[in-house]
Structures are given as structure tokens and as C-alpha cells.
Amino acid sequence: MNGANFMKRDKEWHEALEAMHEISKILNTGLDRETLAILVNLCEAGVNPEALALVVQELRGEAARKRQQLGQGNGRSWSRPQNQ
């Protein structure tokens, strides 16, 4: 692939990613451009999109549980010995 074709393909990829990100925002997916690009690349590499969706949901659930755990008590994930 020569330089001109590569640049054209790169520009097309960025335009497509921008369009996908706009759709993602309209649908309130919460995905940023970088995450969306990673997910699209994984799909293009043959990873099952439904499996990826489940992984994203699981990761979000786990993150929410961790935030909730950290929000309880003093808000710290560790406790520091008190000076006496």
C-alpha cells in the first residue's frame, strides 16, 4: 500500500470512528473514542460483538460495586493507623 492510499484509509477510519462516536453519544453508551476504537478493532479481528458487550457490562458493574464499596465508611480503601 502506498502512502497516499494509507493516508486516505486512515482519514476514512477517523471519519467512520467519529460517526460511530456520535451515534454512541446519542445512544448514551458512555463509551469514549478510545474505548470505541478498541471495541471496533476487536470486532474487525473476529471477536463476537455480543461477547464484547457482555464484557463491557460486567466491567461496568464491577466498577460500580468497587465505587460503592469505597464510598462506604470513610471513603478510603485502606485505613491509616491513628497517632496516639
PDB file of N, CA and C in Angstrom:
ATOM      1  N   MET A   1       0.851  -1.168   0.000  1.00  0.00           N
ATOM      2  CA  MET A   1       0.000   0.000   0.000  1.00  0.00           C
ATOM      3  C   MET A   1       0.895   1.230   0.000  1.00  0.00           C
ATOM      4  N   ASN A   2       0.645   2.151  -0.933  1.00  0.00           N
ATOM      5  CA  ASN A   2       1.477   3.347  -0.976  1.00  0.00           C
ATOM      6  C   ASN A   2       0.988   4.383   0.041  1.00  0.00           C
ATOM      7  N   GLY A   3       1.774   5.432   0.192  1.00  0.00           N
ATOM      8  CA  GLY A   3       1.489   6.446   1.212  1.00  0.00           C
ATOM      9  C   GLY A   3       0.150   7.135   1.031  1.00  0.00           C
ATOM     10  N   ALA A   4      -0.210   7.440  -0.221  1.00  0.00           N
ATOM     11  CA  ALA A   4      -1.473   8.133  -0.483  1.00  0.00           C
ATOM     12  C   ALA A   4      -2.665   7.256  -0.095  1.00  0.00           C
ATOM     13  N   ASN A   5      -2.599   5.968  -0.434  1.00  0.00           N
ATOM     14  CA  ASN A   5      -3.693   5.063  -0.072  1.00  0.00           C
ATOM     15  C   ASN A   5      -3.794   4.891   1.436  1.00  0.00           C
ATOM     16  N   PHE A   6      -2.641   4.823   2.103  1.00  0.00           N
ATOM     17  CA  PHE A   6      -2.645   4.691   3.554  1.00  0.00           C
ATOM     18  C   PHE A   6      -3.278   5.916   4.197  1.00  0.00           C
ATOM     19  N   MET A   7      -2.912   7.107   3.720  1.00  0.00           N
ATOM     20  CA  MET A   7      -3.460   8.339   4.289  1.00  0.00           C
ATOM     21  C   MET A   7      -4.969   8.412   4.060  1.00  0.00           C
ATOM     22  N   LYS A   8      -5.417   8.001   2.875  1.00  0.00           N
ATOM     23  CA  LYS A   8      -6.842   8.019   2.578  1.00  0.00           C
ATOM     24  C   LYS A   8      -7.578   7.056   3.499  1.00  0.00           C
ATOM     25  N   ARG A   9      -7.011   5.854   3.670  1.00  0.00           N
ATOM     26  CA  ARG A   9      -7.638   4.860   4.538  1.00  0.00           C
ATOM     27  C   ARG A   9      -7.667   5.350   5.986  1.00  0.00           C
ATOM     28  N   ASP A  10      -6.588   5.968   6.438  1.00  0.00           N
ATOM     29  CA  ASP A  10      -6.512   6.498   7.792  1.00  0.00           C
ATOM     30  C   ASP A  10      -7.568   7.582   8.000  1.00  0.00           C
ATOM     31  N   LYS A  11      -7.720   8.453   7.016  1.00  0.00           N
ATOM     32  CA  LYS A  11      -8.722   9.525   7.104  1.00  0.00           C
ATOM     33  C   LYS A  11     -10.126   8.932   7.142  1.00  0.00           C
ATOM     34  N   GLU A  12     -10.367   7.919   6.317  1.00  0.00           N
ATOM     35  CA  GLU A  12     -11.680   7.265   6.300  1.00  0.00           C
ATOM     36  C   GLU A  12     -11.972   6.593   7.642  1.00  0.00           C
ATOM     37  N   TRP A  13     -10.950   5.969   8.230  1.00  0.00           N
ATOM     38  CA  TRP A  13     -11.121   5.323   9.528  1.00  0.00           C
ATOM     39  C   TRP A  13     -11.505   6.355  10.588  1.00  0.00           C
ATOM     40  N   HIS A  14     -10.813   7.487  10.592  1.00  0.00           N
ATOM     41  CA  HIS A  14     -11.106   8.513  11.597  1.00  0.00           C
ATOM     42  C   HIS A  14     -12.498   9.104  11.392  1.00  0.00           C
ATOM     43  N   GLU A  15     -12.903   9.275  10.151  1.00  0.00           N
ATOM     44  CA  GLU A  15     -14.246   9.783   9.872  1.00  0.00           C
ATOM     45  C   GLU A  15     -15.302   8.771  10.327  1.00  0.00           C
ATOM     46  N   ALA A  16     -15.071   7.494  10.051  1.00  0.00           N
ATOM     47  CA  ALA A  16     -16.007   6.453  10.476  1.00  0.00           C
ATOM     48  C   ALA A  16     -16.065   6.381  11.995  1.00  0.00           C
ATOM     49  N   LEU A  17     -14.919   6.460  12.645  1.00  0.00           N
ATOM     50  CA  LEU A  17     -14.879   6.419  14.103  1.00  0.00           C
ATOM     51  C   LEU A  17     -15.620   7.618  14.686  1.00  0.00           C
ATOM     52  N   GLU A  18     -15.453   8.770  14.100  1.00  0.00           N
ATOM     53  CA  GLU A  18     -16.155   9.961  14.578  1.00  0.00           C
ATOM     54  C   GLU A  18     -17.666   9.767  14.449  1.00  0.00           C
ATOM     55  N   ALA A  19     -18.117   9.208  13.324  1.00  0.00           N
ATOM     56  CA  ALA A  19     -19.545   8.946  13.133  1.00  0.00           C
ATOM     57  C   ALA A  19     -20.047   7.931  14.162  1.00  0.00           C
ATOM     58  N   MET A  20     -19.259   6.871  14.389  1.00  0.00           N
ATOM     59  CA  MET A  20     -19.651   5.869  15.387  1.00  0.00           C
ATOM     60  C   MET A  20     -19.714   6.485  16.780  1.00  0.00           C
ATOM     61  N   HIS A  21     -18.783   7.383  17.070  1.00  0.00           N
ATOM     62  CA  HIS A  21     -18.775   8.016  18.391  1.00  0.00           C
ATOM     63  C   HIS A  21     -19.994   8.917  18.562  1.00  0.00           C
ATOM     64  N   GLU A  22     -20.384   9.620  17.512  1.00  0.00           N
ATOM     65  CA  GLU A  22     -21.585  10.459  17.586  1.00  0.00           C
ATOM     66  C   GLU A  22     -22.823   9.595  17.851  1.00  0.00           C
ATOM     67  N   ILE A  23     -22.925   8.474  17.150  1.00  0.00           N
ATOM     68  CA  ILE A  23     -24.044   7.549  17.385  1.00  0.00           C
ATOM     69  C   ILE A  23     -23.987   7.017  18.812  1.00  0.00           C
ATOM     70  N   SER A  24     -22.796   6.692  19.268  1.00  0.00           N
ATOM     71  CA  SER A  24     -22.598   6.187  20.615  1.00  0.00           C
ATOM     72  C   SER A  24     -23.086   7.201  21.653  1.00  0.00           C
ATOM     73  N   LYS A  25     -22.802   8.482  21.413  1.00  0.00           N
ATOM     74  CA  LYS A  25     -23.249   9.528  22.341  1.00  0.00           C
ATOM     75  C   LYS A  25     -24.771   9.659  22.325  1.00  0.00           C
ATOM     76  N   ILE A  26     -25.363   9.593  21.120  1.00  0.00           N
ATOM     77  CA  ILE A  26     -26.820   9.684  21.015  1.00  0.00           C
ATOM     78  C   ILE A  26     -27.486   8.548  21.778  1.00  0.00           C
ATOM     79  N   LEU A  27     -26.876   7.371  21.718  1.00  0.00           N
ATOM     80  CA  LEU A  27     -27.418   6.198  22.401  1.00  0.00           C
ATOM     81  C   LEU A  27     -27.019   6.125  23.876  1.00  0.00           C
ATOM     82  N   ASN A  28     -26.262   7.121  24.334  1.00  0.00           N
ATOM     83  CA  ASN A  28     -25.825   7.181  25.738  1.00  0.00           C
ATOM     84  C   ASN A  28     -25.081   5.926  26.183  1.00  0.00           C
ATOM     85  N   THR A  29     -24.153   5.465  25.358  1.00  0.00           N
ATOM     86  CA  THR A  29     -23.393   4.266  25.710  1.00  0.00           C
ATOM     87  C   THR A  29     -22.334   4.542  26.759  1.00  0.00           C
ATOM     88  N   GLY A  30     -21.872   5.782  26.847  1.00  0.00           N
ATOM     89  CA  GLY A  30     -20.822   6.117  27.796  1.00  0.00           C
ATOM     90  C   GLY A  30     -19.431   5.723  27.324  1.00  0.00           C
ATOM     91  N   LEU A  31     -19.316   5.304  26.065  1.00  0.00           N
ATOM     92  CA  LEU A  31     -18.011   4.904  25.531  1.00  0.00           C
ATOM     93  C   LEU A  31     -17.267   6.115  24.995  1.00  0.00           C
ATOM     94  N   ASP A  32     -16.008   6.256  25.381  1.00  0.00           N
ATOM     95  CA  ASP A  32     -15.193   7.320  24.796  1.00  0.00           C
ATOM     96  C   ASP A  32     -14.622   6.836  23.460  1.00  0.00           C
ATOM     97  N   ARG A  33     -13.996   7.743  22.722  1.00  0.00           N
ATOM     98  CA  ARG A  33     -13.473   7.387  21.396  1.00  0.00           C
ATOM     99  C   ARG A  33     -12.458   6.249  21.451  1.00  0.00           C
ATOM    100  N   GLU A  34     -11.577   6.310  22.432  1.00  0.00           N
ATOM    101  CA  GLU A  34     -10.528   5.294  22.523  1.00  0.00           C
ATOM    102  C   GLU A  34     -11.119   3.907  22.777  1.00  0.00           C
ATOM    103  N   THR A  35     -12.048   3.835  23.721  1.00  0.00           N
ATOM    104  CA  THR A  35     -12.685   2.552  24.020  1.00  0.00           C
ATOM    105  C   THR A  35     -13.468   2.050  22.822  1.00  0.00           C
ATOM    106  N   LEU A  36     -14.197   2.943  22.174  1.00  0.00           N
ATOM    107  CA  LEU A  36     -14.959   2.567  20.993  1.00  0.00           C
ATOM    108  C   LEU A  36     -14.043   2.035  19.897  1.00  0.00           C
ATOM    109  N   ALA A  37     -12.912   2.692  19.681  1.00  0.00           N
ATOM    110  CA  ALA A  37     -11.951   2.247  18.667  1.00  0.00           C
ATOM    111  C   ALA A  37     -11.417   0.857  18.994  1.00  0.00           C
ATOM    112  N   ILE A  38     -11.128   0.618  20.270  1.00  0.00           N
ATOM    113  CA  ILE A  38     -10.635  -0.700  20.686  1.00  0.00           C
ATOM    114  C   ILE A  38     -11.692  -1.764  20.416  1.00  0.00           C
ATOM    115  N   LEU A  39     -12.935  -1.468  20.776  1.00  0.00           N
ATOM    116  CA  LEU A  39     -14.017  -2.432  20.566  1.00  0.00           C
ATOM    117  C   LEU A  39     -14.246  -2.707  19.083  1.00  0.00           C
ATOM    118  N   VAL A  40     -14.195  -1.666  18.256  1.00  0.00           N
ATOM    119  CA  VAL A  40     -14.368  -1.851  16.809  1.00  0.00           C
ATOM    120  C   VAL A  40     -13.230  -2.699  16.249  1.00  0.00           C
ATOM    121  N   ASN A  41     -12.010  -2.419  16.667  1.00  0.00           N
ATOM    122  CA  ASN A  41     -10.867  -3.216  16.194  1.00  0.00           C
ATOM    123  C   ASN A  41     -10.995  -4.678  16.607  1.00  0.00           C
ATOM    124  N   LEU A  42     -11.472  -4.917  17.822  1.00  0.00           N
ATOM    125  CA  LEU A  42     -11.676  -6.292  18.263  1.00  0.00           C
ATOM    126  C   LEU A  42     -12.735  -6.989  17.407  1.00  0.00           C
ATOM    127  N   CYS A  43     -13.818  -6.286  17.089  1.00  0.00           N
ATOM    128  CA  CYS A  43     -14.848  -6.861  16.219  1.00  0.00           C
ATOM    129  C   CYS A  43     -14.289  -7.156  14.833  1.00  0.00           C
ATOM    130  N   GLU A  44     -13.497  -6.232  14.302  1.00  0.00           N
ATOM    131  CA  GLU A  44     -12.887  -6.440  12.988  1.00  0.00           C
ATOM    132  C   GLU A  44     -11.913  -7.613  13.010  1.00  0.00           C
ATOM    133  N   ALA A  45     -11.362  -7.907  14.168  1.00  0.00           N
ATOM    134  CA  ALA A  45     -10.432  -9.035  14.304  1.00  0.00           C
ATOM    135  C   ALA A  45     -11.167 -10.353  14.525  1.00  0.00           C
ATOM    136  N   GLY A  46     -12.498 -10.290  14.581  1.00  0.00           N
ATOM    137  CA  GLY A  46     -13.272 -11.514  14.683  1.00  0.00           C
ATOM    138  C   GLY A  46     -13.876 -11.816  16.039  1.00  0.00           C
ATOM    139  N   VAL A  47     -13.699 -10.920  16.999  1.00  0.00           N
ATOM    140  CA  VAL A  47     -14.292 -11.152  18.320  1.00  0.00           C
ATOM    141  C   VAL A  47     -15.807 -10.937  18.221  1.00  0.00           C
ATOM    142  N   ASN A  48     -16.557 -11.786  18.898  1.00  0.00           N
ATOM    143  CA  ASN A  48     -18.011 -11.715  18.881  1.00  0.00           C
ATOM    144  C   ASN A  48     -18.475 -10.412  19.554  1.00  0.00           C
ATOM    145  N   PRO A  49     -19.231  -9.556  18.833  1.00  0.00           N
ATOM    146  CA  PRO A  49     -19.685  -8.280  19.411  1.00  0.00           C
ATOM    147  C   PRO A  49     -20.578  -8.460  20.635  1.00  0.00           C
ATOM    148  N   GLU A  50     -21.404  -9.511  20.637  1.00  0.00           N
ATOM    149  CA  GLU A  50     -22.265  -9.744  21.796  1.00  0.00           C
ATOM    150  C   GLU A  50     -21.442 -10.107  23.022  1.00  0.00           C
ATOM    151  N   ALA A  51     -20.382 -10.868  22.819  1.00  0.00           N
ATOM    152  CA  ALA A  51     -19.490 -11.210  23.924  1.00  0.00           C
ATOM    153  C   ALA A  51     -18.792  -9.956  24.451  1.00  0.00           C
ATOM    154  N   LEU A  52     -18.367  -9.076  23.552  1.00  0.00           N
ATOM    155  CA  LEU A  52     -17.739  -7.817  23.981  1.00  0.00           C
ATOM    156  C   LEU A  52     -18.712  -6.972  24.791  1.00  0.00           C
ATOM    157  N   ALA A  53     -19.966  -6.922  24.348  1.00  0.00           N
ATOM    158  CA  ALA A  53     -20.972  -6.148  25.071  1.00  0.00           C
ATOM    159  C   ALA A  53     -21.142  -6.688  26.484  1.00  0.00           C
ATOM    160  N   LEU A  54     -21.156  -8.013  26.618  1.00  0.00           N
ATOM    161  CA  LEU A  54     -21.276  -8.609  27.943  1.00  0.00           C
ATOM    162  C   LEU A  54     -20.078  -8.273  28.824  1.00  0.00           C
ATOM    163  N   VAL A  55     -18.890  -8.288  28.234  1.00  0.00           N
ATOM    164  CA  VAL A  55     -17.680  -7.947  28.992  1.00  0.00           C
ATOM    165  C   VAL A  55     -17.738  -6.497  29.474  1.00  0.00           C
ATOM    166  N   VAL A  56     -18.151  -5.599  28.585  1.00  0.00           N
ATOM    167  CA  VAL A  56     -18.253  -4.184  28.957  1.00  0.00           C
ATOM    168  C   VAL A  56     -19.261  -4.024  30.096  1.00  0.00           C
ATOM    169  N   GLN A  57     -20.407  -4.693  30.001  1.00  0.00           N
ATOM    170  CA  GLN A  57     -21.406  -4.610  31.060  1.00  0.00           C
ATOM    171  C   GLN A  57     -20.866  -5.153  32.385  1.00  0.00           C
ATOM    172  N   GLU A  58     -20.155  -6.263  32.321  1.00  0.00           N
ATOM    173  CA  GLU A  58     -19.582  -6.846  33.539  1.00  0.00           C
ATOM    174  C   GLU A  58     -18.556  -5.908  34.167  1.00  0.00           C
ATOM    175  N   LEU A  59     -17.698  -5.326  33.335  1.00  0.00           N
ATOM    176  CA  LEU A  59     -16.683  -4.405  33.847  1.00  0.00           C
ATOM    177  C   LEU A  59     -17.321  -3.179  34.475  1.00  0.00           C
ATOM    178  N   ARG A  60     -18.362  -2.667  33.851  1.00  0.00           N
ATOM    179  CA  ARG A  60     -19.058  -1.509  34.419  1.00  0.00           C
ATOM    180  C   ARG A  60     -19.706  -1.863  35.753  1.00  0.00           C
ATOM    181  N   GLY A  61     -20.315  -3.040  35.815  1.00  0.00           N
ATOM    182  CA  GLY A  61     -20.929  -3.482  37.070  1.00  0.00           C
ATOM    183  C   GLY A  61     -19.901  -3.624  38.170  1.00  0.00           C
ATOM    184  N   GLU A  62     -18.770  -4.231  37.840  1.00  0.00           N
ATOM    185  CA  GLU A  62     -17.696  -4.395  38.827  1.00  0.00           C
ATOM    186  C   GLU A  62     -17.157  -3.044  39.283  1.00  0.00           C
ATOM    187  N   ALA A  63     -16.996  -2.118  38.354  1.00  0.00           N
ATOM    188  CA  ALA A  63     -16.514  -0.780  38.709  1.00  0.00           C
ATOM    189  C   ALA A  63     -17.509  -0.079  39.626  1.00  0.00           C
ATOM    190  N   ALA A  64     -18.801  -0.227  39.345  1.00  0.00           N
ATOM    191  CA  ALA A  64     -19.823   0.386  40.197  1.00  0.00           C
ATOM    192  C   ALA A  64     -19.792  -0.214  41.597  1.00  0.00           C
ATOM    193  N   ARG A  65     -19.616  -1.535  41.689  1.00  0.00           N
ATOM    194  CA  ARG A  65     -19.537  -2.180  43.002  1.00  0.00           C
ATOM    195  C   ARG A  65     -18.320  -1.679  43.783  1.00  0.00           C
ATOM    196  N   LYS A  66     -17.194  -1.536  43.091  1.00  0.00           N
ATOM    197  CA  LYS A  66     -15.977  -1.045  43.766  1.00  0.00           C
ATOM    198  C   LYS A  66     -16.172   0.386  44.241  1.00  0.00           C
ATOM    199  N   ARG A  67     -16.783   1.228  43.393  1.00  0.00           N
ATOM    200  CA  ARG A  67     -17.036   2.618  43.796  1.00  0.00           C
ATOM    201  C   ARG A  67     -17.947   2.664  45.016  1.00  0.00           C
ATOM    202  N   GLN A  68     -18.962   1.792  45.025  1.00  0.00           N
ATOM    203  CA  GLN A  68     -19.875   1.751  46.153  1.00  0.00           C
ATOM    204  C   GLN A  68     -19.151   1.311  47.421  1.00  0.00           C
ATOM    205  N   GLN A  69     -18.296   0.309  47.310  1.00  0.00           N
ATOM    206  CA  GLN A  69     -17.528  -0.154  48.472  1.00  0.00           C
ATOM    207  C   GLN A  69     -16.632   0.958  48.997  1.00  0.00           C
ATOM    208  N   LEU A  70     -15.995   1.676  48.090  1.00  0.00           N
ATOM    209  CA  LEU A  70     -15.099   2.755  48.505  1.00  0.00           C
ATOM    210  C   LEU A  70     -15.867   3.927  49.089  1.00  0.00           C
ATOM    211  N   GLY A  71     -17.119   4.092  48.679  1.00  0.00           N
ATOM    212  CA  GLY A  71     -17.934   5.196  49.159  1.00  0.00           C
ATOM    213  C   GLY A  71     -18.473   4.974  50.560  1.00  0.00           C
ATOM    214  N   GLN A  72     -18.444   3.740  51.034  1.00  0.00           N
ATOM    215  CA  GLN A  72     -18.938   3.443  52.376  1.00  0.00           C
ATOM    216  C   GLN A  72     -17.855   3.752  53.401  1.00  0.00           C
ATOM    217  N   GLY A  73     -18.261   4.040  54.601  1.00  0.00           N
ATOM    218  CA  GLY A  73     -17.295   4.307  55.679  1.00  0.00           C
ATOM    219  C   GLY A  73     -16.635   5.657  55.476  1.00  0.00           C
ATOM    220  N   ASN A  74     -15.311   5.668  55.568  1.00  0.00           N
ATOM    221  CA  ASN A  74     -14.585   6.936  55.471  1.00  0.00           C
ATOM    222  C   ASN A  74     -14.177   7.268  54.044  1.00  0.00           C
ATOM    223  N   GLY A  75     -14.578   6.438  53.094  1.00  0.00           N
ATOM    224  CA  GLY A  75     -14.257   6.741  51.709  1.00  0.00           C
ATOM    225  C   GLY A  75     -12.885   6.281  51.283  1.00  0.00           C
ATOM    226  N   ARG A  76     -12.159   5.624  52.191  1.00  0.00           N
ATOM    227  CA  ARG A  76     -10.823   5.139  51.848  1.00  0.00           C
ATOM    228  C   ARG A  76     -10.861   3.632  51.646  1.00  0.00           C
ATOM    229  N   SER A  77      -9.997   3.149  50.768  1.00  0.00           N
ATOM    230  CA  SER A  77      -9.911   1.701  50.575  1.00  0.00           C
ATOM    231  C   SER A  77      -8.934   1.083  51.563  1.00  0.00           C
ATOM    232  N   TRP A  78      -8.267   1.908  52.358  1.00  0.00           N
ATOM    233  CA  TRP A  78      -7.319   1.432  53.349  1.00  0.00           C
ATOM    234  C   TRP A  78      -7.440   2.347  54.551  1.00  0.00           C
ATOM    235  N   SER A  79      -6.981   1.889  55.674  1.00  0.00           N
ATOM    236  CA  SER A  79      -7.040   2.744  56.864  1.00  0.00           C
ATOM    237  C   SER A  79      -5.632   2.964  57.385  1.00  0.00           C
ATOM    238  N   ARG A  80      -5.386   4.169  57.821  1.00  0.00           N
ATOM    239  CA  ARG A  80      -4.091   4.561  58.322  1.00  0.00           C
ATOM    240  C   ARG A  80      -4.129   4.495  59.848  1.00  0.00           C
ATOM    241  N   PRO A  81      -3.086   3.971  60.465  1.00  0.00           N
ATOM    242  CA  PRO A  81      -3.072   3.926  61.932  1.00  0.00           C
ATOM    243  C   PRO A  81      -3.172   5.326  62.509  1.00  0.00           C
ATOM    244  N   GLN A  82      -3.949   5.467  63.560  1.00  0.00           N
ATOM    245  CA  GLN A  82      -4.132   6.758  64.212  1.00  0.00           C
ATOM    246  C   GLN A  82      -2.964   7.025  65.160  1.00  0.00           C
ATOM    247  N   ASN A  83      -2.481   8.266  65.182  1.00  0.00           N
ATOM    248  CA  ASN A  83      -1.439   8.665  66.126  1.00  0.00           C
ATOM    249  C   ASN A  83      -2.054   8.783  67.513  1.00  0.00           C
ATOM    250  N   GLN A  84      -1.387   8.241  68.511  1.00  0.00           N
ATOM    251  CA  GLN A  84      -1.917   8.332  69.890  1.00  0.00           C
ATOM    252  C   GLN A  84      -1.012   9.105  70.757  1.00  0.00           C
TER     253      GLN A  84
END
